[in-house]
Amino acid sequence: MIDCAALPAAASTDCIYRLVPQNATDEFYDERTDRNIGWVTRKEQRMFRRCVVGIAGCGGMGGQIGAIMVRLGIGETRIGDPEVFDASNMNRQYAAGRATIGKSKALETATKIRADVSDDTTLVVYPRGIQADTAESFVRGCDIVLDEIEFWAVGARLHLHAAARKHGVPVLNCNTVGHGTRLFRFGPLGRSVAKMLGYTQAEADRVQRRIRDGSATKAEVEECAIKVFSFLVPELPEYSADPVRWSTVRNGLARIIRERRAMIITPNPVMATGFVCNHVVFELIRRKSSLKRIYPVPPPAPGYIYFDCGIDPRPSDGRKKAGRYKHPYRFVARTKVKLIELPADLRASL
């Protein structure tokens, strides 16, 4: 790990960089976080300054979460992602733009956070992301970790959760699907993520590698998609008034399996980011403050909290009769992961 005030001009993706605080006075910190006070106490704000938050993934949500943690006043924020930006990331990702296409997501996100937000806290950058040899150091010392790892990176996800479980660090996973999100909380006890996802570490590493290099079979891709959907997106939202004619569920399944790309509408990662960042605040205050709140507590994974801006909370008679109405803000209790089934005609067309 290299300590530095700013990333070097030719930063290596093989190094871990620890960007140390610059011009870090109490007066500046108190002023820049002052608008938080009232919702949190000054003592709680200073507690945030002693906290460490890790964000695995700098994509649609991860990069924005990193920036918000720095704005919140978290004392040390860790970010990691092994990928580079491409043009398709520009519709939603924090540091994606014409100038960053082909560049490291982790390094460019760190550069933007330090330039656009503040440099008075610690920012640790893992340009290789979460791998077998980085997961432990990424997680160790964190108060909470956020799993914003991309859909197909099942090996990296298992490495992250195994390290967090070993060190007793809670993990939040929050996704962006349609106009909604699902928030999962993973504690150090109970069933492991490997068991919930249905892969051993070796199996997950292998399928991630094969999907990434294009050598995966159709069966391997389909199996991985079904397992990840069943685990983290157990109910795909249907927004179409006429699903027979045009279905958002079918579109989502078809694109992720055929193209290896998820459909992500531009404004939704911002909404989902705010949702999970609020829960980071809830978690830290619940565990570290003497002043109790009435904040919601997520059910243990594989249960989750569901919130969807695209679902009308007023049930229409038609949707009730069709069995299609579900409230847009729900706590869903699950004790096991049930595999979803692809529609037969969709499977046949793949």
Protein backbone atom coordinates (compact mmCIF):
# COMPACT_ATOMS: atom_id res chain seq x y z
CA MET A 1 0.00 0.00 0.00
CA ILE A 2 1.39 3.39 -1.04
CA ASP A 3 0.63 6.50 1.03
CA CYS A 4 0.33 9.67 -1.01
CA ALA A 5 -1.39 13.06 -1.04
CA ALA A 6 -2.75 12.49 -4.55
CA LEU A 7 -2.66 9.74 -7.13
CA PRO A 8 0.51 9.81 -9.27
CA ALA A 9 0.09 10.89 -12.89
CA ALA A 10 0.87 7.36 -14.07
CA ALA A 11 -0.85 5.43 -11.29
CA SER A 12 -0.45 1.66 -11.57
CA THR A 13 -3.44 -0.64 -11.42
CA ASP A 14 -1.23 -3.14 -9.57
CA CYS A 15 -0.81 -0.92 -6.50
CA ILE A 16 -3.12 -0.02 -3.62
CA TYR A 17 -3.08 3.72 -2.91
CA ARG A 18 -3.89 5.33 0.42
CA LEU A 19 -4.68 9.00 -0.17
CA VAL A 20 -4.00 10.67 3.15
CA PRO A 21 -5.94 13.71 4.44
CA GLN A 22 -4.87 17.16 3.28
CA ASN A 23 -5.62 20.44 5.08
CA ALA A 24 -7.68 18.45 7.59
CA THR A 25 -8.66 20.98 10.23
CA ASP A 26 -11.49 20.49 12.73
CA GLU A 27 -12.93 23.88 11.74
CA PHE A 28 -13.18 22.97 8.05
CA TYR A 29 -14.61 19.52 8.77
CA ASP A 30 -17.24 20.91 11.15
CA GLU A 31 -18.30 23.56 8.65
CA ARG A 32 -18.53 21.26 5.64
CA THR A 33 -20.63 18.70 7.57
CA ASP A 34 -22.69 21.31 9.47
CA ARG A 35 -25.95 20.71 7.54
CA ASN A 36 -26.03 17.15 8.91
CA ILE A 37 -26.36 18.48 12.46
CA GLY A 38 -29.89 18.27 13.85
CA TRP A 39 -30.53 15.00 12.07
CA VAL A 40 -27.42 13.71 13.83
CA THR A 41 -25.65 15.19 16.83
CA ARG A 42 -22.21 16.78 16.72
CA LYS A 43 -20.95 13.81 18.73
CA GLU A 44 -22.38 11.39 16.15
CA GLN A 45 -20.82 13.41 13.34
CA ARG A 46 -17.44 13.06 15.02
CA MET A 47 -18.14 9.34 15.31
CA PHE A 48 -18.57 9.26 11.50
CA ARG A 49 -15.11 10.80 11.23
CA ARG A 50 -13.67 7.76 13.05
CA CYS A 51 -15.51 5.23 10.87
CA VAL A 52 -14.22 3.19 7.93
CA VAL A 53 -16.56 2.27 5.06
CA GLY A 54 -15.59 -0.04 2.19
CA ILE A 55 -17.37 0.08 -1.19
CA ALA A 56 -16.64 -2.83 -3.52
CA GLY A 57 -17.50 -1.71 -7.05
CA CYS A 58 -17.34 1.76 -8.66
CA GLY A 59 -20.18 1.32 -11.14
CA GLY A 60 -23.67 2.78 -11.26
CA MET A 61 -23.99 3.00 -7.49
CA GLY A 62 -20.54 2.35 -6.01
CA GLY A 63 -18.83 5.50 -7.30
CA GLN A 64 -21.67 7.72 -6.10
CA ILE A 65 -21.69 5.96 -2.72
CA GLY A 66 -17.98 6.70 -2.35
CA ALA A 67 -18.55 10.39 -3.03
CA ILE A 68 -21.49 10.50 -0.58
CA MET A 69 -19.46 8.81 2.17
CA VAL A 70 -16.81 11.52 1.81
CA ARG A 71 -19.51 14.23 1.83
CA LEU A 72 -21.05 12.60 4.91
CA GLY A 73 -17.70 12.97 6.66
CA ILE A 74 -16.68 9.31 6.95
CA GLY A 75 -13.06 9.30 8.10
CA GLU A 76 -11.82 6.56 5.75
CA THR A 77 -13.52 5.42 2.56
CA ARG A 78 -12.21 2.44 0.59
CA ILE A 79 -13.16 1.85 -3.04
CA GLY A 80 -12.23 -0.96 -5.42
CA ASP A 81 -13.03 -2.02 -8.98
CA PRO A 82 -10.89 -3.91 -11.56
CA GLU A 83 -12.77 -2.71 -14.64
CA VAL A 84 -12.33 0.22 -17.03
CA PHE A 85 -15.03 2.62 -18.22
CA ASP A 86 -16.74 2.20 -21.57
CA ALA A 87 -19.25 4.41 -23.35
CA SER A 88 -22.24 2.41 -22.09
CA ASN A 89 -21.36 3.44 -18.52
CA MET A 90 -21.95 7.13 -19.26
CA ASN A 91 -25.70 6.97 -18.66
CA ARG A 92 -25.25 6.38 -14.93
CA GLN A 93 -21.73 5.97 -13.49
CA TYR A 94 -20.19 8.70 -11.32
CA ALA A 95 -16.82 9.11 -13.05
CA ALA A 96 -17.82 7.91 -16.54
CA GLY A 97 -17.40 10.39 -19.39
CA ARG A 98 -15.77 10.74 -22.80
CA ALA A 99 -12.45 11.56 -21.17
CA THR A 100 -12.43 8.46 -18.93
CA ILE A 101 -13.38 5.79 -21.49
CA GLY A 102 -10.81 2.98 -21.28
CA LYS A 103 -9.51 4.18 -17.91
CA SER A 104 -9.62 2.49 -14.49
CA LYS A 105 -12.94 2.93 -12.72
CA ALA A 106 -11.32 2.91 -9.29
CA LEU A 107 -8.56 5.40 -10.13
CA GLU A 108 -10.84 7.79 -12.02
CA THR A 109 -13.49 7.64 -9.30
CA ALA A 110 -10.87 8.46 -6.66
CA THR A 111 -9.53 11.34 -8.73
CA LYS A 112 -13.00 12.81 -9.16
CA ILE A 113 -13.91 12.44 -5.47
CA ARG A 114 -10.73 14.20 -4.34
CA ALA A 115 -11.15 16.99 -6.90
CA ASP A 116 -14.90 17.52 -6.68
CA VAL A 117 -15.73 16.75 -3.03
CA SER A 118 -12.93 17.00 -0.46
CA ASP A 119 -9.43 15.79 0.35
CA ASP A 120 -9.62 16.13 4.15
CA THR A 121 -10.40 12.45 4.80
CA THR A 122 -8.63 9.20 3.87
CA LEU A 123 -9.47 7.54 0.56
CA VAL A 124 -8.01 4.08 -0.13
CA VAL A 125 -8.07 2.86 -3.74
CA TYR A 126 -7.95 -0.78 -4.91
CA PRO A 127 -7.59 -0.66 -8.74
CA ARG A 128 -7.56 -4.49 -8.94
CA GLY A 129 -10.85 -4.64 -7.07
CA ILE A 130 -11.81 -7.58 -4.88
CA GLN A 131 -9.76 -10.71 -5.51
CA ALA A 132 -8.42 -13.58 -3.44
CA ASP A 133 -5.35 -11.57 -2.43
CA THR A 134 -7.08 -8.21 -1.79
CA ALA A 135 -10.35 -9.09 -0.05
CA GLU A 136 -8.84 -9.45 3.44
CA SER A 137 -7.04 -6.10 3.49
CA PHE A 138 -10.04 -4.36 1.92
CA VAL A 139 -12.43 -5.59 4.63
CA ARG A 140 -10.16 -5.63 7.69
CA GLY A 141 -10.84 -2.59 9.90
CA CYS A 142 -14.08 -1.58 8.15
CA ASP A 143 -17.16 -0.73 10.20
CA ILE A 144 -19.38 -1.66 7.26
CA VAL A 145 -18.87 -2.85 3.69
CA LEU A 146 -21.09 -2.24 0.68
CA ASP A 147 -21.28 -4.94 -2.00
CA GLU A 148 -21.76 -3.08 -5.30
CA ILE A 149 -19.91 -5.70 -7.34
CA GLU A 150 -21.19 -6.17 -10.88
CA PHE A 151 -23.73 -8.88 -11.75
CA TRP A 152 -21.41 -11.53 -13.26
CA ALA A 153 -18.51 -11.20 -10.78
CA VAL A 154 -19.68 -14.05 -8.55
CA GLY A 155 -16.13 -15.04 -7.57
CA ALA A 156 -15.29 -11.54 -6.34
CA ARG A 157 -18.58 -11.40 -4.46
CA LEU A 158 -17.83 -14.61 -2.57
CA HIS A 159 -14.30 -13.43 -1.71
CA LEU A 160 -15.72 -10.18 -0.30
CA HIS A 161 -18.41 -11.84 1.81
CA ALA A 162 -16.10 -14.56 3.09
CA ALA A 163 -13.60 -11.95 4.31
CA ALA A 164 -16.37 -9.85 5.88
CA ARG A 165 -17.81 -12.90 7.64
CA LYS A 166 -14.36 -13.83 8.96
CA HIS A 167 -13.79 -10.35 10.41
CA GLY A 168 -17.35 -9.85 11.69
CA VAL A 169 -18.07 -6.92 9.36
CA PRO A 170 -21.70 -6.42 8.21
CA VAL A 171 -22.31 -6.09 4.48
CA LEU A 172 -25.07 -4.19 2.72
CA ASN A 173 -25.98 -5.02 -0.87
CA CYS A 174 -28.32 -2.68 -2.72
CA ASN A 175 -29.14 -2.93 -6.40
CA THR A 176 -30.73 -0.83 -9.11
CA VAL A 177 -33.40 -2.66 -11.11
CA GLY A 178 -36.00 -0.78 -13.11
CA HIS A 179 -37.25 2.10 -10.96
CA GLY A 180 -36.63 0.26 -7.70
CA THR A 181 -34.11 -1.30 -5.39
CA ARG A 182 -33.65 -4.17 -2.96
CA LEU A 183 -31.50 -3.81 0.14
CA PHE A 184 -29.93 -6.88 1.77
CA ARG A 185 -28.03 -7.00 5.06
CA PHE A 186 -25.51 -9.80 5.64
CA GLY A 187 -24.25 -10.41 9.17
CA PRO A 188 -21.41 -12.66 10.34
CA LEU A 189 -23.81 -15.40 11.48
CA GLY A 190 -26.29 -17.62 9.66
CA ARG A 191 -25.95 -19.12 6.18
CA SER A 192 -22.99 -18.05 4.08
CA VAL A 193 -23.39 -16.18 0.82
CA ALA A 194 -21.73 -19.11 -0.95
CA LYS A 195 -24.58 -21.38 0.19
CA MET A 196 -27.25 -18.80 -0.68
CA LEU A 197 -25.77 -18.25 -4.15
CA GLY A 198 -25.16 -21.96 -4.72
CA TYR A 199 -21.47 -21.85 -5.72
CA THR A 200 -18.28 -22.90 -3.98
CA GLN A 201 -15.48 -20.35 -4.19
CA ALA A 202 -13.67 -22.43 -6.82
CA GLU A 203 -16.84 -22.78 -8.91
CA ALA A 204 -17.59 -19.07 -8.67
CA ASP A 205 -14.05 -18.09 -9.66
CA ARG A 206 -14.21 -20.43 -12.64
CA VAL A 207 -17.57 -19.26 -13.98
CA GLN A 208 -16.63 -15.59 -13.50
CA ARG A 209 -13.41 -16.14 -15.45
CA ARG A 210 -15.15 -18.04 -18.25
CA ILE A 211 -17.94 -15.48 -18.63
CA ARG A 212 -15.39 -12.66 -18.69
CA ASP A 213 -13.16 -14.25 -21.36
CA GLY A 214 -16.12 -15.40 -23.47
CA SER A 215 -15.48 -19.15 -23.10
CA ALA A 216 -18.56 -19.89 -20.95
CA THR A 217 -21.17 -22.20 -22.43
CA LYS A 218 -24.78 -21.15 -22.87
CA ALA A 219 -25.71 -23.45 -19.95
CA GLU A 220 -23.10 -21.85 -17.67
CA VAL A 221 -24.29 -18.34 -18.49
CA GLU A 222 -27.92 -19.28 -17.98
CA GLU A 223 -27.19 -21.04 -14.68
CA CYS A 224 -25.20 -18.08 -13.35
CA ALA A 225 -27.88 -15.59 -14.39
CA ILE A 226 -30.63 -17.64 -12.73
CA LYS A 227 -28.63 -18.01 -9.50
CA VAL A 228 -27.79 -14.30 -9.24
CA PHE A 229 -31.33 -13.20 -10.14
CA SER A 230 -32.82 -15.65 -7.62
CA PHE A 231 -30.46 -14.45 -4.90
CA LEU A 232 -30.43 -10.67 -5.41
CA VAL A 233 -33.36 -9.90 -7.76
CA PRO A 234 -35.96 -12.52 -6.84
CA GLU A 235 -38.82 -10.46 -8.28
CA LEU A 236 -38.29 -8.55 -11.50
CA PRO A 237 -40.65 -5.57 -11.75
CA GLU A 238 -43.24 -5.56 -14.52
CA TYR A 239 -44.16 -1.98 -15.45
CA SER A 240 -45.97 -2.76 -18.70
CA ALA A 241 -49.75 -2.42 -18.79
CA ASP A 242 -49.77 -5.10 -21.49
CA PRO A 243 -46.97 -7.62 -20.72
CA VAL A 244 -48.05 -9.92 -23.54
CA ARG A 245 -47.27 -7.18 -26.07
CA TRP A 246 -44.20 -5.70 -24.37
CA SER A 247 -42.72 -6.90 -21.08
CA THR A 248 -40.01 -5.29 -18.95
CA VAL A 249 -39.45 -8.63 -17.20
CA ARG A 250 -38.78 -10.47 -20.45
CA ASN A 251 -36.61 -7.61 -21.72
CA GLY A 252 -34.48 -7.71 -18.56
CA LEU A 253 -33.96 -11.46 -18.63
CA ALA A 254 -33.24 -11.55 -22.36
CA ARG A 255 -30.69 -8.71 -22.35
CA ILE A 256 -28.69 -9.97 -19.37
CA ILE A 257 -28.41 -13.49 -20.79
CA ARG A 258 -28.04 -12.70 -24.51
CA GLU A 259 -25.89 -9.57 -24.26
CA ARG A 260 -24.40 -9.95 -20.74
CA ARG A 261 -25.74 -6.43 -20.08
CA ALA A 262 -28.23 -5.29 -17.47
CA MET A 263 -30.88 -2.70 -18.33
CA ILE A 264 -30.34 0.32 -16.05
CA ILE A 265 -32.41 3.47 -16.49
CA THR A 266 -30.36 6.64 -15.90
CA PRO A 267 -32.06 8.18 -12.82
CA ASN A 268 -32.48 5.02 -10.76
CA PRO A 269 -28.91 4.49 -9.46
CA VAL A 270 -29.10 7.93 -7.85
CA MET A 271 -32.30 6.97 -6.02
CA ALA A 272 -30.95 3.58 -4.94
CA THR A 273 -27.68 5.17 -3.82
CA GLY A 274 -29.53 7.54 -1.52
CA PHE A 275 -31.54 4.62 -0.17
CA VAL A 276 -28.50 2.53 0.78
CA CYS A 277 -26.50 5.51 2.06
CA ASN A 278 -29.31 6.31 4.47
CA HIS A 279 -29.05 2.74 5.70
CA VAL A 280 -25.31 3.17 6.24
CA VAL A 281 -26.18 6.08 8.53
CA PHE A 282 -28.85 3.97 10.26
CA GLU A 283 -26.39 1.11 10.77
CA LEU A 284 -23.60 3.26 12.21
CA ILE A 285 -25.92 5.13 14.56
CA ARG A 286 -27.67 1.96 15.67
CA ARG A 287 -24.35 0.33 16.59
CA LYS A 288 -22.34 3.30 17.82
CA SER A 289 -24.65 5.98 19.24
CA SER A 290 -26.26 6.08 22.68
CA LEU A 291 -29.25 7.99 21.24
CA LYS A 292 -31.72 5.45 19.91
CA ARG A 293 -33.77 5.97 16.74
CA ILE A 294 -36.81 4.37 15.14
CA TYR A 295 -34.94 3.60 11.93
CA PRO A 296 -35.96 0.41 10.06
CA VAL A 297 -33.78 -2.67 10.40
CA PRO A 298 -33.50 -4.85 7.28
CA PRO A 299 -34.51 -8.49 7.72
CA PRO A 300 -31.55 -10.89 7.67
CA ALA A 301 -30.49 -12.02 4.20
CA PRO A 302 -31.74 -13.58 2.03
CA GLY A 303 -34.64 -11.38 3.18
CA TYR A 304 -34.59 -7.78 2.00
CA ILE A 305 -36.28 -4.37 1.90
CA TYR A 306 -37.95 -3.56 -1.41
CA PHE A 307 -38.66 -0.02 -2.62
CA ASP A 308 -39.92 0.92 -6.08
CA CYS A 309 -40.75 4.40 -7.43
CA GLY A 310 -42.44 2.87 -10.47
CA ILE A 311 -45.23 1.10 -8.59
CA ASP A 312 -48.36 3.07 -7.68
CA PRO A 313 -49.12 2.48 -3.97
CA ARG A 314 -52.83 2.86 -4.77
CA PRO A 315 -53.96 -0.58 -5.97
CA SER A 316 -56.23 -0.56 -9.00
CA ASP A 317 -59.06 -3.07 -9.18
CA GLY A 318 -57.55 -4.53 -12.34
CA ARG A 319 -54.16 -5.23 -10.78
CA LYS A 320 -55.80 -6.68 -7.66
CA LYS A 321 -57.86 -9.09 -9.71
CA ALA A 322 -54.84 -10.10 -11.79
CA GLY A 323 -52.82 -10.72 -8.64
CA ARG A 324 -50.23 -8.20 -9.82
CA TYR A 325 -50.44 -5.65 -6.99
CA LYS A 326 -47.67 -5.42 -4.41
CA HIS A 327 -46.93 -2.42 -2.23
CA PRO A 328 -43.85 -0.47 -3.44
CA TYR A 329 -42.22 -0.40 0.05
CA ARG A 330 -42.06 -3.84 1.61
CA PHE A 331 -40.02 -5.94 4.02
CA VAL A 332 -39.62 -9.39 2.49
CA ALA A 333 -38.69 -12.23 4.83
CA ARG A 334 -36.93 -15.21 3.21
CA THR A 335 -35.07 -18.07 4.83
CA LYS A 336 -33.84 -19.65 1.60
CA VAL A 337 -33.27 -18.79 -2.03
CA LYS A 338 -35.74 -20.33 -4.47
CA LEU A 339 -34.48 -20.51 -8.04
CA ILE A 340 -36.55 -18.60 -10.57
CA GLU A 341 -37.59 -20.23 -13.83
CA LEU A 342 -37.10 -18.67 -17.24
CA PRO A 343 -40.23 -18.57 -19.41
CA ALA A 344 -40.13 -21.59 -21.74
CA ASP A 345 -40.40 -19.54 -24.94
CA LEU A 346 -37.64 -17.18 -23.78
CA ARG A 347 -35.35 -20.09 -22.94
CA ALA A 348 -36.00 -21.63 -26.35
CA SER A 349 -35.07 -18.38 -28.11
CA LEU A 350 -31.74 -17.91 -26.35
